[in-house]
Amino acid sequence: MTALLFDLDGTLVDSDGDHLVAFQKVFAPLGIPLDRPTYTAEIMGASNAMIGARFLAHLSAAEREAVLDAKEAIYREGLVALAPTPGVAELLTFAEAHGLPCAVVTNAPRANADVVLDAIGLAHRLPVVVIGGELARSKPDPLPYLTALKLTGASAATAVAFEDSVSGVRAAVAAGIAVVGITMGLSEQTLVAQGAAFGVADFHDPRIYELIERRRRG
């Protein structure tokens, strides 16, 4: 069984700018500066637990949780007019036509995933959502992807993952899955260096379909 496994932020939707603004709003009162390069290098693709350990180590566990919960609420409240990444609807139609199960594999909290998938009109097409924070280990550990394989009944040797971050690519590669890098935040060179087969700007790239066909043939 071949499955298509999608990261959420920066992959199915261009949302990193919204996340950056939300982090800046909760970090500023704490005297923590955050610019786009730092966000890209140290936050993009990371779980909230990892972000808290990196930026909020001086706070108690309860205080870290409160800050990060406030950030997520600000992020959700600030979302407007989200649109899916170009070509993803067509790729999902292709998957449905060929009986390929699909799933979302993300380090985002479930509340975020539910809101975003609904906002971009894909919630009904992607009902299987694996949340890293609900598992024993998040990306870059392979466990979220191994969990998605189990839920979809797919084989790592034939599955394809779509990721935009270093941690996400590493997680999928460690699970034995072929990865297509989405170059919203990082360059193709950077994603390939982590193990992606290649990088694309969106889901219209014909190399995606060629890779899926190769994986389907085993």
C-alpha atoms as a PDB file:
ATOM      1  CA  MET A   1       0.000   0.000   0.000  1.00  0.00           C
ATOM      2  CA  THR A   2       1.305   3.429  -0.975  1.00  0.00           C
ATOM      3  CA  ALA A   3       0.354   6.377   1.226  1.00  0.00           C
ATOM      4  CA  LEU A   4       0.866  10.112   0.869  1.00  0.00           C
ATOM      5  CA  LEU A   5       1.786  11.745   4.172  1.00  0.00           C
ATOM      6  CA  PHE A   6       1.668  15.516   4.552  1.00  0.00           C
ATOM      7  CA  ASP A   7       3.153  17.884   7.073  1.00  0.00           C
ATOM      8  CA  LEU A   8       0.817  20.799   7.808  1.00  0.00           C
ATOM      9  CA  ASP A   9       2.447  24.199   8.380  1.00  0.00           C
ATOM     10  CA  GLY A  10       4.666  25.259   5.506  1.00  0.00           C
ATOM     11  CA  THR A  11       3.549  22.268   3.460  1.00  0.00           C
ATOM     12  CA  LEU A  12      -0.226  22.115   3.050  1.00  0.00           C
ATOM     13  CA  VAL A  13      -0.525  25.817   3.863  1.00  0.00           C
ATOM     14  CA  ASP A  14       1.808  28.829   3.947  1.00  0.00           C
ATOM     15  CA  SER A  15       1.379  29.695   7.628  1.00  0.00           C
ATOM     16  CA  ASP A  16       4.872  30.331   8.954  1.00  0.00           C
ATOM     17  CA  GLY A  17       4.451  34.100   8.779  1.00  0.00           C
ATOM     18  CA  ASP A  18       1.382  33.853  11.010  1.00  0.00           C
ATOM     19  CA  HIS A  19       3.244  31.648  13.473  1.00  0.00           C
ATOM     20  CA  LEU A  20       6.176  34.071  13.583  1.00  0.00           C
ATOM     21  CA  VAL A  21       3.889  36.998  14.448  1.00  0.00           C
ATOM     22  CA  ALA A  22       2.186  34.999  17.217  1.00  0.00           C
ATOM     23  CA  PHE A  23       5.520  33.981  18.728  1.00  0.00           C
ATOM     24  CA  GLN A  24       6.761  37.560  18.615  1.00  0.00           C
ATOM     25  CA  LYS A  25       3.672  38.744  20.486  1.00  0.00           C
ATOM     26  CA  VAL A  26       4.154  36.341  23.400  1.00  0.00           C
ATOM     27  CA  PHE A  27       7.954  36.522  23.457  1.00  0.00           C
ATOM     28  CA  ALA A  28       8.215  40.331  23.420  1.00  0.00           C
ATOM     29  CA  PRO A  29       6.902  40.864  26.990  1.00  0.00           C
ATOM     30  CA  LEU A  30       9.496  38.326  28.151  1.00  0.00           C
ATOM     31  CA  GLY A  31      12.313  40.238  26.466  1.00  0.00           C
ATOM     32  CA  ILE A  32      12.951  37.480  23.919  1.00  0.00           C
ATOM     33  CA  PRO A  33      13.705  38.847  20.427  1.00  0.00           C
ATOM     34  CA  LEU A  34      12.669  36.716  17.483  1.00  0.00           C
ATOM     35  CA  ASP A  35      13.344  37.451  13.820  1.00  0.00           C
ATOM     36  CA  ARG A  36      12.562  35.412  10.720  1.00  0.00           C
ATOM     37  CA  PRO A  37      16.023  33.775  10.412  1.00  0.00           C
ATOM     38  CA  THR A  38      15.895  32.634  14.052  1.00  0.00           C
ATOM     39  CA  TYR A  39      12.344  31.363  13.596  1.00  0.00           C
ATOM     40  CA  THR A  40      13.381  29.406  10.500  1.00  0.00           C
ATOM     41  CA  ALA A  41      16.473  27.929  12.128  1.00  0.00           C
ATOM     42  CA  GLU A  42      15.143  27.114  15.593  1.00  0.00           C
ATOM     43  CA  ILE A  43      11.334  26.994  15.594  1.00  0.00           C
ATOM     44  CA  MET A  44      10.072  25.908  12.176  1.00  0.00           C
ATOM     45  CA  GLY A  45       9.032  22.271  12.393  1.00  0.00           C
ATOM     46  CA  ALA A  46       9.808  21.945  16.116  1.00  0.00           C
ATOM     47  CA  SER A  47       7.353  20.758  18.740  1.00  0.00           C
ATOM     48  CA  ASN A  48       6.193  23.144  21.446  1.00  0.00           C
ATOM     49  CA  ALA A  49       8.128  21.112  23.999  1.00  0.00           C
ATOM     50  CA  MET A  50      11.325  21.692  22.038  1.00  0.00           C
ATOM     51  CA  ILE A  51      10.534  25.389  21.559  1.00  0.00           C
ATOM     52  CA  GLY A  52       9.864  25.812  25.255  1.00  0.00           C
ATOM     53  CA  ALA A  53      13.141  24.142  26.190  1.00  0.00           C
ATOM     54  CA  ARG A  54      15.057  26.357  23.771  1.00  0.00           C
ATOM     55  CA  PHE A  55      13.495  29.770  24.451  1.00  0.00           C
ATOM     56  CA  LEU A  56      11.731  29.489  27.818  1.00  0.00           C
ATOM     57  CA  ALA A  57      14.153  27.459  29.903  1.00  0.00           C
ATOM     58  CA  HIS A  58      14.085  30.146  32.602  1.00  0.00           C
ATOM     59  CA  LEU A  59      10.364  29.544  33.205  1.00  0.00           C
ATOM     60  CA  SER A  60       8.663  26.762  35.115  1.00  0.00           C
ATOM     61  CA  ALA A  61       6.943  24.003  33.167  1.00  0.00           C
ATOM     62  CA  ALA A  62       3.540  25.529  33.929  1.00  0.00           C
ATOM     63  CA  GLU A  63       4.691  28.982  32.833  1.00  0.00           C
ATOM     64  CA  ARG A  64       6.118  27.601  29.588  1.00  0.00           C
ATOM     65  CA  GLU A  65       2.838  25.845  28.853  1.00  0.00           C
ATOM     66  CA  ALA A  66       0.877  29.030  29.524  1.00  0.00           C
ATOM     67  CA  VAL A  67       3.074  31.087  27.179  1.00  0.00           C
ATOM     68  CA  LEU A  68       2.862  28.528  24.395  1.00  0.00           C
ATOM     69  CA  ASP A  69      -0.888  28.054  24.846  1.00  0.00           C
ATOM     70  CA  ALA A  70      -1.280  31.834  24.557  1.00  0.00           C
ATOM     71  CA  LYS A  71       0.795  31.795  21.384  1.00  0.00           C
ATOM     72  CA  GLU A  72      -1.407  29.120  19.810  1.00  0.00           C
ATOM     73  CA  ALA A  73      -4.564  31.035  20.726  1.00  0.00           C
ATOM     74  CA  ILE A  74      -3.155  34.219  19.161  1.00  0.00           C
ATOM     75  CA  TYR A  75      -2.217  32.247  16.050  1.00  0.00           C
ATOM     76  CA  ARG A  76      -5.684  30.745  15.635  1.00  0.00           C
ATOM     77  CA  GLU A  77      -7.452  34.043  16.301  1.00  0.00           C
ATOM     78  CA  GLY A  78      -5.284  35.837  13.742  1.00  0.00           C
ATOM     79  CA  LEU A  79      -5.879  33.466  10.843  1.00  0.00           C
ATOM     80  CA  VAL A  80      -7.580  35.007   7.837  1.00  0.00           C
ATOM     81  CA  ALA A  81      -8.198  33.809   4.287  1.00  0.00           C
ATOM     82  CA  LEU A  82      -5.984  30.728   4.362  1.00  0.00           C
ATOM     83  CA  ALA A  83      -5.571  28.807   1.121  1.00  0.00           C
ATOM     84  CA  PRO A  84      -4.056  25.382   0.489  1.00  0.00           C
ATOM     85  CA  THR A  85      -0.731  25.168  -1.288  1.00  0.00           C
ATOM     86  CA  PRO A  86      -1.283  25.181  -5.065  1.00  0.00           C
ATOM     87  CA  GLY A  87      -1.734  21.729  -6.538  1.00  0.00           C
ATOM     88  CA  VAL A  88      -2.612  19.896  -3.329  1.00  0.00           C
ATOM     89  CA  ALA A  89      -6.292  19.511  -4.231  1.00  0.00           C
ATOM     90  CA  GLU A  90      -5.352  17.920  -7.549  1.00  0.00           C
ATOM     91  CA  LEU A  91      -2.885  15.590  -5.828  1.00  0.00           C
ATOM     92  CA  LEU A  92      -5.545  14.475  -3.351  1.00  0.00           C
ATOM     93  CA  THR A  93      -7.935  13.825  -6.238  1.00  0.00           C
ATOM     94  CA  PHE A  94      -5.232  11.680  -7.870  1.00  0.00           C
ATOM     95  CA  ALA A  95      -4.747   9.790  -4.606  1.00  0.00           C
ATOM     96  CA  GLU A  96      -8.475   9.196  -4.210  1.00  0.00           C
ATOM     97  CA  ALA A  97      -8.751   7.948  -7.800  1.00  0.00           C
ATOM     98  CA  HIS A  98      -5.937   5.450  -7.253  1.00  0.00           C
ATOM     99  CA  GLY A  99      -6.929   4.320  -3.773  1.00  0.00           C
ATOM    100  CA  LEU A 100      -3.905   5.837  -2.046  1.00  0.00           C
ATOM    101  CA  PRO A 101      -4.546   6.605   1.640  1.00  0.00           C
ATOM    102  CA  CYS A 102      -3.452  10.039   2.846  1.00  0.00           C
ATOM    103  CA  ALA A 103      -2.699  11.467   6.271  1.00  0.00           C
ATOM    104  CA  VAL A 104      -1.423  14.593   7.966  1.00  0.00           C
ATOM    105  CA  VAL A 105       1.639  14.205  10.202  1.00  0.00           C
ATOM    106  CA  THR A 106       2.372  17.336  12.195  1.00  0.00           C
ATOM    107  CA  ASN A 107       3.963  18.696  15.365  1.00  0.00           C
ATOM    108  CA  ALA A 108       1.184  21.294  15.560  1.00  0.00           C
ATOM    109  CA  PRO A 109      -1.372  20.992  18.383  1.00  0.00           C
ATOM    110  CA  ARG A 110      -4.595  19.273  17.348  1.00  0.00           C
ATOM    111  CA  ALA A 111      -6.618  22.458  17.844  1.00  0.00           C
ATOM    112  CA  ASN A 112      -4.424  24.194  15.266  1.00  0.00           C
ATOM    113  CA  ALA A 113      -4.583  21.291  12.844  1.00  0.00           C
ATOM    114  CA  ASP A 114      -8.376  21.128  13.066  1.00  0.00           C
ATOM    115  CA  VAL A 115      -8.799  24.873  12.498  1.00  0.00           C
ATOM    116  CA  VAL A 116      -6.323  25.055   9.623  1.00  0.00           C
ATOM    117  CA  LEU A 117      -7.546  21.973   7.772  1.00  0.00           C
ATOM    118  CA  ASP A 118     -11.110  23.234   8.036  1.00  0.00           C
ATOM    119  CA  ALA A 119     -10.093  26.722   6.881  1.00  0.00           C
ATOM    120  CA  ILE A 120      -8.364  25.416   3.746  1.00  0.00           C
ATOM    121  CA  GLY A 121     -11.214  23.028   2.965  1.00  0.00           C
ATOM    122  CA  LEU A 122      -9.272  19.785   3.393  1.00  0.00           C
ATOM    123  CA  ALA A 123     -10.551  18.431   6.715  1.00  0.00           C
ATOM    124  CA  HIS A 124     -12.946  15.992   5.042  1.00  0.00           C
ATOM    125  CA  ARG A 125     -10.274  14.818   2.603  1.00  0.00           C
ATOM    126  CA  LEU A 126      -7.603  14.279   5.263  1.00  0.00           C
ATOM    127  CA  PRO A 127      -9.388  12.687   8.232  1.00  0.00           C
ATOM    128  CA  VAL A 128      -6.289  10.879   9.518  1.00  0.00           C
ATOM    129  CA  VAL A 129      -4.212  13.400  11.489  1.00  0.00           C
ATOM    130  CA  VAL A 130      -1.208  12.313  13.537  1.00  0.00           C
ATOM    131  CA  ILE A 131      -0.175  14.852  16.184  1.00  0.00           C
ATOM    132  CA  GLY A 132       3.419  14.544  17.362  1.00  0.00           C
ATOM    133  CA  GLY A 133       2.667  16.027  20.770  1.00  0.00           C
ATOM    134  CA  GLU A 134       0.131  13.274  21.459  1.00  0.00           C
ATOM    135  CA  LEU A 135       2.786  10.586  21.037  1.00  0.00           C
ATOM    136  CA  ALA A 136       5.740   9.620  23.196  1.00  0.00           C
ATOM    137  CA  ARG A 137       8.057  11.438  20.771  1.00  0.00           C
ATOM    138  CA  SER A 138       7.551  14.158  18.151  1.00  0.00           C
ATOM    139  CA  LYS A 139       9.474  14.895  14.975  1.00  0.00           C
ATOM    140  CA  PRO A 140      12.426  14.699  14.325  1.00  0.00           C
ATOM    141  CA  ASP A 141      11.836  11.253  15.823  1.00  0.00           C
ATOM    142  CA  PRO A 142      10.311   8.897  13.228  1.00  0.00           C
ATOM    143  CA  LEU A 143       7.483   7.822  15.569  1.00  0.00           C
ATOM    144  CA  PRO A 144       4.841  10.196  14.091  1.00  0.00           C
ATOM    145  CA  TYR A 145       5.505   8.829  10.608  1.00  0.00           C
ATOM    146  CA  LEU A 146       5.622   5.231  11.795  1.00  0.00           C
ATOM    147  CA  THR A 147       2.263   5.858  13.462  1.00  0.00           C
ATOM    148  CA  ALA A 148       0.836   7.244  10.209  1.00  0.00           C
ATOM    149  CA  LEU A 149       2.033   4.174   8.327  1.00  0.00           C
ATOM    150  CA  LYS A 150       0.260   1.949  10.836  1.00  0.00           C
ATOM    151  CA  LEU A 151      -2.963   3.950  10.633  1.00  0.00           C
ATOM    152  CA  THR A 152      -3.007   3.969   6.829  1.00  0.00           C
ATOM    153  CA  GLY A 153      -1.866   0.371   6.413  1.00  0.00           C
ATOM    154  CA  ALA A 154       0.974   1.579   4.211  1.00  0.00           C
ATOM    155  CA  SER A 155       4.547   0.460   3.758  1.00  0.00           C
ATOM    156  CA  ALA A 156       7.479   2.799   4.351  1.00  0.00           C
ATOM    157  CA  ALA A 157       9.103   1.401   1.224  1.00  0.00           C
ATOM    158  CA  THR A 158       6.282   2.730  -0.955  1.00  0.00           C
ATOM    159  CA  ALA A 159       5.079   5.803   0.957  1.00  0.00           C
ATOM    160  CA  VAL A 160       5.851   9.435   0.088  1.00  0.00           C
ATOM    161  CA  ALA A 161       6.074  12.265   2.635  1.00  0.00           C
ATOM    162  CA  PHE A 162       5.914  16.015   2.016  1.00  0.00           C
ATOM    163  CA  GLU A 163       7.907  18.205   4.400  1.00  0.00           C
ATOM    164  CA  ASP A 164       9.236  21.762   4.620  1.00  0.00           C
ATOM    165  CA  SER A 165      11.468  21.589   7.702  1.00  0.00           C
ATOM    166  CA  VAL A 166      14.702  19.947   8.727  1.00  0.00           C
ATOM    167  CA  SER A 167      13.053  18.111  11.622  1.00  0.00           C
ATOM    168  CA  GLY A 168      10.249  16.871   9.386  1.00  0.00           C
ATOM    169  CA  VAL A 169      12.546  15.583   6.651  1.00  0.00           C
ATOM    170  CA  ARG A 170      14.720  13.842   9.221  1.00  0.00           C
ATOM    171  CA  ALA A 171      11.682  12.181  10.804  1.00  0.00           C
ATOM    172  CA  ALA A 172      10.339  10.834   7.514  1.00  0.00           C
ATOM    173  CA  VAL A 173      13.754   9.676   6.300  1.00  0.00           C
ATOM    174  CA  ALA A 174      14.365   7.902   9.617  1.00  0.00           C
ATOM    175  CA  ALA A 175      11.061   6.086   9.094  1.00  0.00           C
ATOM    176  CA  GLY A 176      12.306   4.872   5.687  1.00  0.00           C
ATOM    177  CA  ILE A 177       9.940   7.070   3.673  1.00  0.00           C
ATOM    178  CA  ALA A 178      10.811   8.963   0.488  1.00  0.00           C
ATOM    179  CA  VAL A 179      10.487  12.702   1.046  1.00  0.00           C
ATOM    180  CA  VAL A 180       9.569  15.602  -1.222  1.00  0.00           C
ATOM    181  CA  GLY A 181      10.817  18.885   0.212  1.00  0.00           C
ATOM    182  CA  ILE A 182       8.469  21.872   0.064  1.00  0.00           C
ATOM    183  CA  THR A 183      10.566  25.021  -0.356  1.00  0.00           C
ATOM    184  CA  MET A 184       8.393  27.603   1.384  1.00  0.00           C
ATOM    185  CA  GLY A 185      10.965  28.354   4.052  1.00  0.00           C
ATOM    186  CA  LEU A 186      14.123  26.442   3.195  1.00  0.00           C
ATOM    187  CA  SER A 187      16.015  25.951  -0.040  1.00  0.00           C
ATOM    188  CA  GLU A 188      15.915  22.758  -2.074  1.00  0.00           C
ATOM    189  CA  GLN A 189      19.626  22.320  -1.346  1.00  0.00           C
ATOM    190  CA  THR A 190      19.026  22.422   2.410  1.00  0.00           C
ATOM    191  CA  LEU A 191      16.144  19.933   2.278  1.00  0.00           C
ATOM    192  CA  VAL A 192      18.002  17.545  -0.034  1.00  0.00           C
ATOM    193  CA  ALA A 193      21.000  17.673   2.302  1.00  0.00           C
ATOM    194  CA  GLN A 194      18.722  16.296   5.031  1.00  0.00           C
ATOM    195  CA  GLY A 195      17.529  13.447   2.837  1.00  0.00           C
ATOM    196  CA  ALA A 196      14.716  14.771   0.635  1.00  0.00           C
ATOM    197  CA  ALA A 197      14.636  13.346  -2.886  1.00  0.00           C
ATOM    198  CA  PHE A 198      14.147  16.838  -4.322  1.00  0.00           C
ATOM    199  CA  GLY A 199      12.487  20.138  -3.515  1.00  0.00           C
ATOM    200  CA  VAL A 200       9.408  21.746  -5.087  1.00  0.00           C
ATOM    201  CA  ALA A 201       7.661  25.080  -4.742  1.00  0.00           C
ATOM    202  CA  ASP A 202       4.189  23.497  -4.774  1.00  0.00           C
ATOM    203  CA  PHE A 203       2.309  20.320  -5.628  1.00  0.00           C
ATOM    204  CA  HIS A 204       2.039  20.993  -9.350  1.00  0.00           C
ATOM    205  CA  ASP A 205       5.580  19.754  -9.975  1.00  0.00           C
ATOM    206  CA  PRO A 206       5.395  16.637 -12.217  1.00  0.00           C
ATOM    207  CA  ARG A 207       8.295  15.024 -10.369  1.00  0.00           C
ATOM    208  CA  ILE A 208       5.895  14.363  -7.498  1.00  0.00           C
ATOM    209  CA  TYR A 209       3.697  12.131  -9.637  1.00  0.00           C
ATOM    210  CA  GLU A 210       6.733  10.410 -11.132  1.00  0.00           C
ATOM    211  CA  LEU A 211       8.030   9.608  -7.645  1.00  0.00           C
ATOM    212  CA  ILE A 212       4.648   8.300  -6.528  1.00  0.00           C
ATOM    213  CA  GLU A 213       4.462   6.008  -9.548  1.00  0.00           C
ATOM    214  CA  ARG A 214       7.937   4.674  -8.866  1.00  0.00           C
ATOM    215  CA  ARG A 215       7.022   4.000  -5.252  1.00  0.00           C
ATOM    216  CA  ARG A 216       3.763   2.303  -6.272  1.00  0.00           C
ATOM    217  CA  ARG A 217       5.714  -0.043  -8.538  1.00  0.00           C
ATOM    218  CA  GLY A 218       8.054  -0.836  -5.679  1.00  0.00           C
END
